[in-house]
Amino acid sequence: AIIFQSISIIVLEIGCVAAVTSDGDLDIDVAQLHSNDAASVANDGCETEIIEDPVQLSIFAHRFMGIAEQMGRTLARTAISVNIKE
C-alpha cells in the first residue's frame, strides 16, 4: 500500500500493517518474511533473488529524479557563488 500525506509518502511492503494512533502518528507493524516470499532467506543462509515490480521501479526512479532536479534548482537559485549559479 502507498500512503500519501501532506509532507511524505509511505510505502508499506506486503505483510506490513499500519494504524493511526490517537495522537495522529502512524504505527507500522512489520511482519516477518515467510520462506516462500521473494526476499526471503533460504535454509542454507543464501538470499534468493529479489523480484522487482517494473511499474513501481519506474515510478520511484522518476520521483527521485524529480527530487534531484528540484535540489539542483534550489541550489542554483540560492547560491551566492557565480560558479554554482551557472
PDB file of N, CA and C in Angstrom:
ATOM      1  N   ALA A   1       0.839  -1.176   0.000  1.00  0.00           N
ATOM      2  CA  ALA A   1       0.000   0.000   0.000  1.00  0.00           C
ATOM      3  C   ALA A   1       0.886   1.243   0.000  1.00  0.00           C
ATOM      4  N   ILE A   2       0.400   2.290  -0.577  1.00  0.00           N
ATOM      5  CA  ILE A   2       1.097   3.577  -0.587  1.00  0.00           C
ATOM      6  C   ILE A   2       0.217   4.571   0.154  1.00  0.00           C
ATOM      7  N   ILE A   3       0.785   5.222   1.179  1.00  0.00           N
ATOM      8  CA  ILE A   3       0.049   6.188   1.995  1.00  0.00           C
ATOM      9  C   ILE A   3       0.564   7.580   1.652  1.00  0.00           C
ATOM     10  N   PHE A   4      -0.308   8.439   1.147  1.00  0.00           N
ATOM     11  CA  PHE A   4       0.050   9.801   0.801  1.00  0.00           C
ATOM     12  C   PHE A   4      -0.334  10.726   1.952  1.00  0.00           C
ATOM     13  N   GLN A   5       0.634  11.507   2.445  1.00  0.00           N
ATOM     14  CA  GLN A   5       0.374  12.524   3.450  1.00  0.00           C
ATOM     15  C   GLN A   5       0.791  13.868   2.879  1.00  0.00           C
ATOM     16  N   SER A   6       0.499  14.935   3.580  1.00  0.00           N
ATOM     17  CA  SER A   6       0.816  16.264   3.061  1.00  0.00           C
ATOM     18  C   SER A   6       2.321  16.507   2.974  1.00  0.00           C
ATOM     19  N   ILE A   7       3.109  15.832   3.830  1.00  0.00           N
ATOM     20  CA  ILE A   7       4.552  16.069   3.825  1.00  0.00           C
ATOM     21  C   ILE A   7       5.380  14.842   3.468  1.00  0.00           C
ATOM     22  N   SER A   8       4.736  13.696   3.248  1.00  0.00           N
ATOM     23  CA  SER A   8       5.506  12.493   2.947  1.00  0.00           C
ATOM     24  C   SER A   8       4.651  11.454   2.233  1.00  0.00           C
ATOM     25  N   ILE A   9       5.345  10.470   1.692  1.00  0.00           N
ATOM     26  CA  ILE A   9       4.698   9.320   1.076  1.00  0.00           C
ATOM     27  C   ILE A   9       5.322   8.083   1.697  1.00  0.00           C
ATOM     28  N   ILE A  10       4.496   7.162   2.180  1.00  0.00           N
ATOM     29  CA  ILE A  10       4.969   5.961   2.859  1.00  0.00           C
ATOM     30  C   ILE A  10       4.539   4.749   2.054  1.00  0.00           C
ATOM     31  N   VAL A  11       5.492   3.854   1.792  1.00  0.00           N
ATOM     32  CA  VAL A  11       5.204   2.621   1.071  1.00  0.00           C
ATOM     33  C   VAL A  11       5.248   1.474   2.063  1.00  0.00           C
ATOM     34  N   LEU A  12       4.141   0.758   2.186  1.00  0.00           N
ATOM     35  CA  LEU A  12       4.075  -0.410   3.061  1.00  0.00           C
ATOM     36  C   LEU A  12       4.324  -1.661   2.233  1.00  0.00           C
ATOM     37  N   GLU A  13       5.263  -2.466   2.670  1.00  0.00           N
ATOM     38  CA  GLU A  13       5.555  -3.719   1.993  1.00  0.00           C
ATOM     39  C   GLU A  13       4.451  -4.730   2.276  1.00  0.00           C
ATOM     40  N   ILE A  14       4.451  -5.797   1.527  1.00  0.00           N
ATOM     41  CA  ILE A  14       3.472  -6.865   1.710  1.00  0.00           C
ATOM     42  C   ILE A  14       3.649  -7.473   3.098  1.00  0.00           C
ATOM     43  N   GLY A  15       2.567  -7.640   3.822  1.00  0.00           N
ATOM     44  CA  GLY A  15       2.612  -8.223   5.157  1.00  0.00           C
ATOM     45  C   GLY A  15       2.717  -7.198   6.271  1.00  0.00           C
ATOM     46  N   CYS A  16       2.951  -5.929   5.959  1.00  0.00           N
ATOM     47  CA  CYS A  16       3.031  -4.884   6.978  1.00  0.00           C
ATOM     48  C   CYS A  16       1.636  -4.307   7.220  1.00  0.00           C
ATOM     49  N   VAL A  17       1.410  -3.869   8.459  1.00  0.00           N
ATOM     50  CA  VAL A  17       0.114  -3.309   8.840  1.00  0.00           C
ATOM     51  C   VAL A  17       0.347  -1.942   9.456  1.00  0.00           C
ATOM     52  N   ALA A  18      -0.419  -0.944   9.023  1.00  0.00           N
ATOM     53  CA  ALA A  18      -0.297   0.408   9.552  1.00  0.00           C
ATOM     54  C   ALA A  18      -1.603   0.814  10.216  1.00  0.00           C
ATOM     55  N   ALA A  19      -1.494   1.563  11.317  1.00  0.00           N
ATOM     56  CA  ALA A  19      -2.661   2.077  12.024  1.00  0.00           C
ATOM     57  C   ALA A  19      -2.349   3.477  12.528  1.00  0.00           C
ATOM     58  N   VAL A  20      -3.344   4.331  12.528  1.00  0.00           N
ATOM     59  CA  VAL A  20      -3.183   5.697  13.024  1.00  0.00           C
ATOM     60  C   VAL A  20      -3.509   5.695  14.515  1.00  0.00           C
ATOM     61  N   THR A  21      -2.576   6.221  15.329  1.00  0.00           N
ATOM     62  CA  THR A  21      -2.780   6.271  16.773  1.00  0.00           C
ATOM     63  C   THR A  21      -3.670   7.445  17.134  1.00  0.00           C
ATOM     64  N   SER A  22      -4.035   7.565  18.407  1.00  0.00           N
ATOM     65  CA  SER A  22      -4.889   8.660  18.864  1.00  0.00           C
ATOM     66  C   SER A  22      -4.189  10.016  18.748  1.00  0.00           C
ATOM     67  N   ASP A  23      -2.844  10.007  18.740  1.00  0.00           N
ATOM     68  CA  ASP A  23      -2.078  11.249  18.579  1.00  0.00           C
ATOM     69  C   ASP A  23      -1.912  11.645  17.121  1.00  0.00           C
ATOM     70  N   GLY A  24      -2.377  10.805  16.203  1.00  0.00           N
ATOM     71  CA  GLY A  24      -2.237  11.090  14.784  1.00  0.00           C
ATOM     72  C   GLY A  24      -0.971  10.514  14.183  1.00  0.00           C
ATOM     73  N   ASP A  25      -0.205   9.757  14.968  1.00  0.00           N
ATOM     74  CA  ASP A  25       1.009   9.123  14.458  1.00  0.00           C
ATOM     75  C   ASP A  25       0.640   7.859  13.697  1.00  0.00           C
ATOM     76  N   LEU A  26       1.558   7.410  12.864  1.00  0.00           N
ATOM     77  CA  LEU A  26       1.347   6.185  12.104  1.00  0.00           C
ATOM     78  C   LEU A  26       2.161   5.071  12.739  1.00  0.00           C
ATOM     79  N   ASP A  27       1.497   4.032  13.211  1.00  0.00           N
ATOM     80  CA  ASP A  27       2.146   2.890  13.847  1.00  0.00           C
ATOM     81  C   ASP A  27       2.199   1.755  12.831  1.00  0.00           C
ATOM     82  N   ILE A  28       3.421   1.349  12.446  1.00  0.00           N
ATOM     83  CA  ILE A  28       3.593   0.323  11.425  1.00  0.00           C
ATOM     84  C   ILE A  28       4.163  -0.930  12.065  1.00  0.00           C
ATOM     85  N   ASP A  29       3.462  -2.052  11.876  1.00  0.00           N
ATOM     86  CA  ASP A  29       3.948  -3.351  12.331  1.00  0.00           C
ATOM     87  C   ASP A  29       4.524  -4.078  11.133  1.00  0.00           C
ATOM     88  N   VAL A  30       5.811  -4.444  11.232  1.00  0.00           N
ATOM     89  CA  VAL A  30       6.484  -5.128  10.142  1.00  0.00           C
ATOM     90  C   VAL A  30       6.435  -6.628  10.408  1.00  0.00           C
ATOM     91  N   ALA A  31       5.843  -7.357   9.483  1.00  0.00           N
ATOM     92  CA  ALA A  31       5.709  -8.807   9.632  1.00  0.00           C
ATOM     93  C   ALA A  31       7.000  -9.491   9.200  1.00  0.00           C
ATOM     94  N   GLN A  32       7.278 -10.645   9.773  1.00  0.00           N
ATOM     95  CA  GLN A  32       8.431 -11.436   9.376  1.00  0.00           C
ATOM     96  C   GLN A  32       8.134 -12.089   8.033  1.00  0.00           C
ATOM     97  N   LEU A  33       9.171 -12.218   7.199  1.00  0.00           N
ATOM     98  CA  LEU A  33       9.005 -12.836   5.894  1.00  0.00           C
ATOM     99  C   LEU A  33       8.868 -14.349   6.024  1.00  0.00           C
ATOM    100  N   HIS A  34       8.032 -14.928   5.196  1.00  0.00           N
ATOM    101  CA  HIS A  34       7.869 -16.375   5.164  1.00  0.00           C
ATOM    102  C   HIS A  34       8.870 -16.960   4.179  1.00  0.00           C
ATOM    103  N   SER A  35       9.066 -18.237   4.219  1.00  0.00           N
ATOM    104  CA  SER A  35      10.060 -18.875   3.362  1.00  0.00           C
ATOM    105  C   SER A  35       9.696 -18.825   1.884  1.00  0.00           C
ATOM    106  N   ASN A  36       8.446 -18.580   1.539  1.00  0.00           N
ATOM    107  CA  ASN A  36       8.066 -18.537   0.136  1.00  0.00           C
ATOM    108  C   ASN A  36       8.028 -17.111  -0.422  1.00  0.00           C
ATOM    109  N   ASP A  37       8.419 -16.105   0.362  1.00  0.00           N
ATOM    110  CA  ASP A  37       8.456 -14.728  -0.124  1.00  0.00           C
ATOM    111  C   ASP A  37       9.648 -14.537  -1.053  1.00  0.00           C
ATOM    112  N   ALA A  38       9.567 -13.535  -1.915  1.00  0.00           N
ATOM    113  CA  ALA A  38      10.620 -13.298  -2.901  1.00  0.00           C
ATOM    114  C   ALA A  38      11.928 -12.858  -2.257  1.00  0.00           C
ATOM    115  N   ALA A  39      11.870 -12.155  -1.129  1.00  0.00           N
ATOM    116  CA  ALA A  39      13.076 -11.641  -0.499  1.00  0.00           C
ATOM    117  C   ALA A  39      13.502 -12.480   0.700  1.00  0.00           C
ATOM    118  N   SER A  40      13.028 -13.678   0.811  1.00  0.00           N
ATOM    119  CA  SER A  40      13.327 -14.489   1.986  1.00  0.00           C
ATOM    120  C   SER A  40      14.706 -15.119   1.893  1.00  0.00           C
ATOM    121  N   VAL A  41      15.167 -15.604   3.029  1.00  0.00           N
ATOM    122  CA  VAL A  41      16.465 -16.244   3.101  1.00  0.00           C
ATOM    123  C   VAL A  41      16.254 -17.749   3.046  1.00  0.00           C
ATOM    124  N   ALA A  42      17.021 -18.436   2.203  1.00  0.00           N
ATOM    125  CA  ALA A  42      16.879 -19.878   2.042  1.00  0.00           C
ATOM    126  C   ALA A  42      17.444 -20.593   3.260  1.00  0.00           C
ATOM    127  N   ASN A  43      17.190 -21.906   3.369  1.00  0.00           N
ATOM    128  CA  ASN A  43      17.645 -22.698   4.509  1.00  0.00           C
ATOM    129  C   ASN A  43      19.159 -22.706   4.660  1.00  0.00           C
ATOM    130  N   ASP A  44      19.899 -22.614   3.554  1.00  0.00           N
ATOM    131  CA  ASP A  44      21.356 -22.657   3.640  1.00  0.00           C
ATOM    132  C   ASP A  44      21.967 -21.298   3.955  1.00  0.00           C
ATOM    133  N   GLY A  45      21.158 -20.274   4.193  1.00  0.00           N
ATOM    134  CA  GLY A  45      21.659 -18.949   4.573  1.00  0.00           C
ATOM    135  C   GLY A  45      21.883 -18.028   3.395  1.00  0.00           C
ATOM    136  N   CYS A  46      21.712 -18.501   2.162  1.00  0.00           N
ATOM    137  CA  CYS A  46      21.895 -17.663   0.982  1.00  0.00           C
ATOM    138  C   CYS A  46      20.579 -16.955   0.674  1.00  0.00           C
ATOM    139  N   GLU A  47      20.695 -15.721   0.222  1.00  0.00           N
ATOM    140  CA  GLU A  47      19.495 -14.975  -0.122  1.00  0.00           C
ATOM    141  C   GLU A  47      19.026 -15.362  -1.511  1.00  0.00           C
ATOM    142  N   THR A  48      17.715 -15.428  -1.701  1.00  0.00           N
ATOM    143  CA  THR A  48      17.158 -15.707  -3.008  1.00  0.00           C
ATOM    144  C   THR A  48      17.039 -14.410  -3.792  1.00  0.00           C
ATOM    145  N   GLU A  49      16.764 -14.515  -5.057  1.00  0.00           N
ATOM    146  CA  GLU A  49      16.670 -13.338  -5.915  1.00  0.00           C
ATOM    147  C   GLU A  49      15.452 -12.501  -5.533  1.00  0.00           C
ATOM    148  N   ILE A  50      15.633 -11.190  -5.494  1.00  0.00           N
ATOM    149  CA  ILE A  50      14.538 -10.264  -5.195  1.00  0.00           C
ATOM    150  C   ILE A  50      13.884  -9.872  -6.509  1.00  0.00           C
ATOM    151  N   ILE A  51      12.561 -10.012  -6.568  1.00  0.00           N
ATOM    152  CA  ILE A  51      11.820  -9.696  -7.781  1.00  0.00           C
ATOM    153  C   ILE A  51      11.250  -8.289  -7.644  1.00  0.00           C
ATOM    154  N   GLU A  52      11.655  -7.381  -8.571  1.00  0.00           N
ATOM    155  CA  GLU A  52      11.174  -6.007  -8.532  1.00  0.00           C
ATOM    156  C   GLU A  52       9.962  -5.854  -9.433  1.00  0.00           C
ATOM    157  N   ASP A  53       9.086  -4.963  -9.047  1.00  0.00           N
ATOM    158  CA  ASP A  53       7.949  -4.615  -9.871  1.00  0.00           C
ATOM    159  C   ASP A  53       8.388  -3.496 -10.810  1.00  0.00           C
ATOM    160  N   PRO A  54       8.376  -3.701 -12.129  1.00  0.00           N
ATOM    161  CA  PRO A  54       8.881  -2.675 -13.045  1.00  0.00           C
ATOM    162  C   PRO A  54       8.094  -1.366 -12.987  1.00  0.00           C
ATOM    163  N   VAL A  55       6.807  -1.430 -12.675  1.00  0.00           N
ATOM    164  CA  VAL A  55       5.999  -0.213 -12.602  1.00  0.00           C
ATOM    165  C   VAL A  55       6.425   0.622 -11.400  1.00  0.00           C
ATOM    166  N   GLN A  56       6.538  -0.023 -10.231  1.00  0.00           N
ATOM    167  CA  GLN A  56       6.980   0.708  -9.039  1.00  0.00           C
ATOM    168  C   GLN A  56       8.392   1.224  -9.207  1.00  0.00           C
ATOM    169  N   LEU A  57       9.259   0.448  -9.828  1.00  0.00           N
ATOM    170  CA  LEU A  57      10.636   0.869 -10.061  1.00  0.00           C
ATOM    171  C   LEU A  57      10.674   2.131 -10.912  1.00  0.00           C
ATOM    172  N   SER A  58       9.859   2.182 -11.947  1.00  0.00           N
ATOM    173  CA  SER A  58       9.787   3.351 -12.810  1.00  0.00           C
ATOM    174  C   SER A  58       9.220   4.558 -12.069  1.00  0.00           C
ATOM    175  N   ILE A  59       8.181   4.344 -11.261  1.00  0.00           N
ATOM    176  CA  ILE A  59       7.578   5.444 -10.503  1.00  0.00           C
ATOM    177  C   ILE A  59       8.597   6.059  -9.551  1.00  0.00           C
ATOM    178  N   PHE A  60       9.300   5.219  -8.801  1.00  0.00           N
ATOM    179  CA  PHE A  60      10.262   5.751  -7.836  1.00  0.00           C
ATOM    180  C   PHE A  60      11.477   6.351  -8.525  1.00  0.00           C
ATOM    181  N   ALA A  61      11.896   5.807  -9.665  1.00  0.00           N
ATOM    182  CA  ALA A  61      13.025   6.397 -10.397  1.00  0.00           C
ATOM    183  C   ALA A  61      12.676   7.817 -10.845  1.00  0.00           C
ATOM    184  N   HIS A  62      11.460   8.008 -11.347  1.00  0.00           N
ATOM    185  CA  HIS A  62      11.046   9.343 -11.775  1.00  0.00           C
ATOM    186  C   HIS A  62      10.879  10.291 -10.588  1.00  0.00           C
ATOM    187  N   ARG A  63      10.380   9.767  -9.478  1.00  0.00           N
ATOM    188  CA  ARG A  63      10.240  10.614  -8.282  1.00  0.00           C
ATOM    189  C   ARG A  63      11.605  11.077  -7.777  1.00  0.00           C
ATOM    190  N   PHE A  64      12.560  10.143  -7.706  1.00  0.00           N
ATOM    191  CA  PHE A  64      13.893  10.509  -7.232  1.00  0.00           C
ATOM    192  C   PHE A  64      14.578  11.475  -8.193  1.00  0.00           C
ATOM    193  N   MET A  65      14.366  11.305  -9.496  1.00  0.00           N
ATOM    194  CA  MET A  65      14.932  12.235 -10.469  1.00  0.00           C
ATOM    195  C   MET A  65      14.319  13.620 -10.285  1.00  0.00           C
ATOM    196  N   GLY A  66      13.022  13.684 -10.033  1.00  0.00           N
ATOM    197  CA  GLY A  66      12.365  14.971  -9.791  1.00  0.00           C
ATOM    198  C   GLY A  66      12.890  15.649  -8.540  1.00  0.00           C
ATOM    199  N   ILE A  67      13.124  14.863  -7.498  1.00  0.00           N
ATOM    200  CA  ILE A  67      13.682  15.423  -6.261  1.00  0.00           C
ATOM    201  C   ILE A  67      15.078  15.978  -6.512  1.00  0.00           C
ATOM    202  N   ALA A  68      15.904  15.229  -7.255  1.00  0.00           N
ATOM    203  CA  ALA A  68      17.267  15.689  -7.552  1.00  0.00           C
ATOM    204  C   ALA A  68      17.245  16.967  -8.385  1.00  0.00           C
ATOM    205  N   GLU A  69      16.341  17.053  -9.352  1.00  0.00           N
ATOM    206  CA  GLU A  69      16.226  18.264 -10.164  1.00  0.00           C
ATOM    207  C   GLU A  69      15.784  19.456  -9.321  1.00  0.00           C
ATOM    208  N   GLN A  70      14.845  19.254  -8.402  1.00  0.00           N
ATOM    209  CA  GLN A  70      14.416  20.334  -7.507  1.00  0.00           C
ATOM    210  C   GLN A  70      15.558  20.793  -6.616  1.00  0.00           C
ATOM    211  N   MET A  71      16.358  19.853  -6.125  1.00  0.00           N
ATOM    212  CA  MET A  71      17.510  20.220  -5.295  1.00  0.00           C
ATOM    213  C   MET A  71      18.494  21.064  -6.096  1.00  0.00           C
ATOM    214  N   GLY A  72      18.726  20.706  -7.361  1.00  0.00           N
ATOM    215  CA  GLY A  72      19.632  21.477  -8.211  1.00  0.00           C
ATOM    216  C   GLY A  72      19.114  22.878  -8.475  1.00  0.00           C
ATOM    217  N   ARG A  73      17.810  22.996  -8.753  1.00  0.00           N
ATOM    218  CA  ARG A  73      17.236  24.332  -8.976  1.00  0.00           C
ATOM    219  C   ARG A  73      17.304  25.194  -7.718  1.00  0.00           C
ATOM    220  N   THR A  74      17.062  24.587  -6.560  1.00  0.00           N
ATOM    221  CA  THR A  74      17.133  25.333  -5.300  1.00  0.00           C
ATOM    222  C   THR A  74      18.555  25.787  -5.028  1.00  0.00           C
ATOM    223  N   LEU A  75      19.521  24.919  -5.286  1.00  0.00           N
ATOM    224  CA  LEU A  75      20.923  25.288  -5.093  1.00  0.00           C
ATOM    225  C   LEU A  75      21.312  26.424  -6.018  1.00  0.00           C
ATOM    226  N   ALA A  76      20.914  26.352  -7.280  1.00  0.00           N
ATOM    227  CA  ALA A  76      21.244  27.414  -8.228  1.00  0.00           C
ATOM    228  C   ALA A  76      20.557  28.727  -7.861  1.00  0.00           C
ATOM    229  N   ARG A  77      19.336  28.642  -7.364  1.00  0.00           N
ATOM    230  CA  ARG A  77      18.583  29.849  -7.007  1.00  0.00           C
ATOM    231  C   ARG A  77      19.139  30.529  -5.763  1.00  0.00           C
ATOM    232  N   THR A  78      19.623  29.746  -4.800  1.00  0.00           N
ATOM    233  CA  THR A  78      20.062  30.310  -3.526  1.00  0.00           C
ATOM    234  C   THR A  78      21.569  30.459  -3.417  1.00  0.00           C
ATOM    235  N   ALA A  79      22.310  30.076  -4.454  1.00  0.00           N
ATOM    236  CA  ALA A  79      23.771  30.119  -4.391  1.00  0.00           C
ATOM    237  C   ALA A  79      24.292  31.559  -4.442  1.00  0.00           C
ATOM    238  N   ILE A  80      25.334  31.809  -3.681  1.00  0.00           N
ATOM    239  CA  ILE A  80      25.992  33.116  -3.684  1.00  0.00           C
ATOM    240  C   ILE A  80      27.063  33.151  -4.761  1.00  0.00           C
ATOM    241  N   SER A  81      27.769  32.062  -4.949  1.00  0.00           N
ATOM    242  CA  SER A  81      28.854  31.977  -5.916  1.00  0.00           C
ATOM    243  C   SER A  81      28.308  31.949  -7.339  1.00  0.00           C
ATOM    244  N   VAL A  82      28.973  32.673  -8.238  1.00  0.00           N
ATOM    245  CA  VAL A  82      28.575  32.699  -9.638  1.00  0.00           C
ATOM    246  C   VAL A  82      28.817  31.336 -10.269  1.00  0.00           C
ATOM    247  N   ASN A  83      29.847  30.613  -9.833  1.00  0.00           N
ATOM    248  CA  ASN A  83      30.167  29.303 -10.402  1.00  0.00           C
ATOM    249  C   ASN A  83      29.030  28.319 -10.169  1.00  0.00           C
ATOM    250  N   ILE A  84      28.406  28.338  -9.017  1.00  0.00           N
ATOM    251  CA  ILE A  84      27.319  27.409  -8.710  1.00  0.00           C
ATOM    252  C   ILE A  84      26.046  27.811  -9.445  1.00  0.00           C
ATOM    253  N   LYS A  85      25.829  29.107  -9.622  1.00  0.00           N
ATOM    254  CA  LYS A  85      24.622  29.563 -10.309  1.00  0.00           C
ATOM    255  C   LYS A  85      24.596  29.108 -11.758  1.00  0.00           C
ATOM    256  N   GLU A  86      25.747  28.965 -12.372  1.00  0.00           N
ATOM    257  CA  GLU A  86      25.801  28.541 -13.772  1.00  0.00           C
ATOM    258  C   GLU A  86      25.685  27.056 -13.825  1.00  0.00           C
TER     259      GLU A  86
END
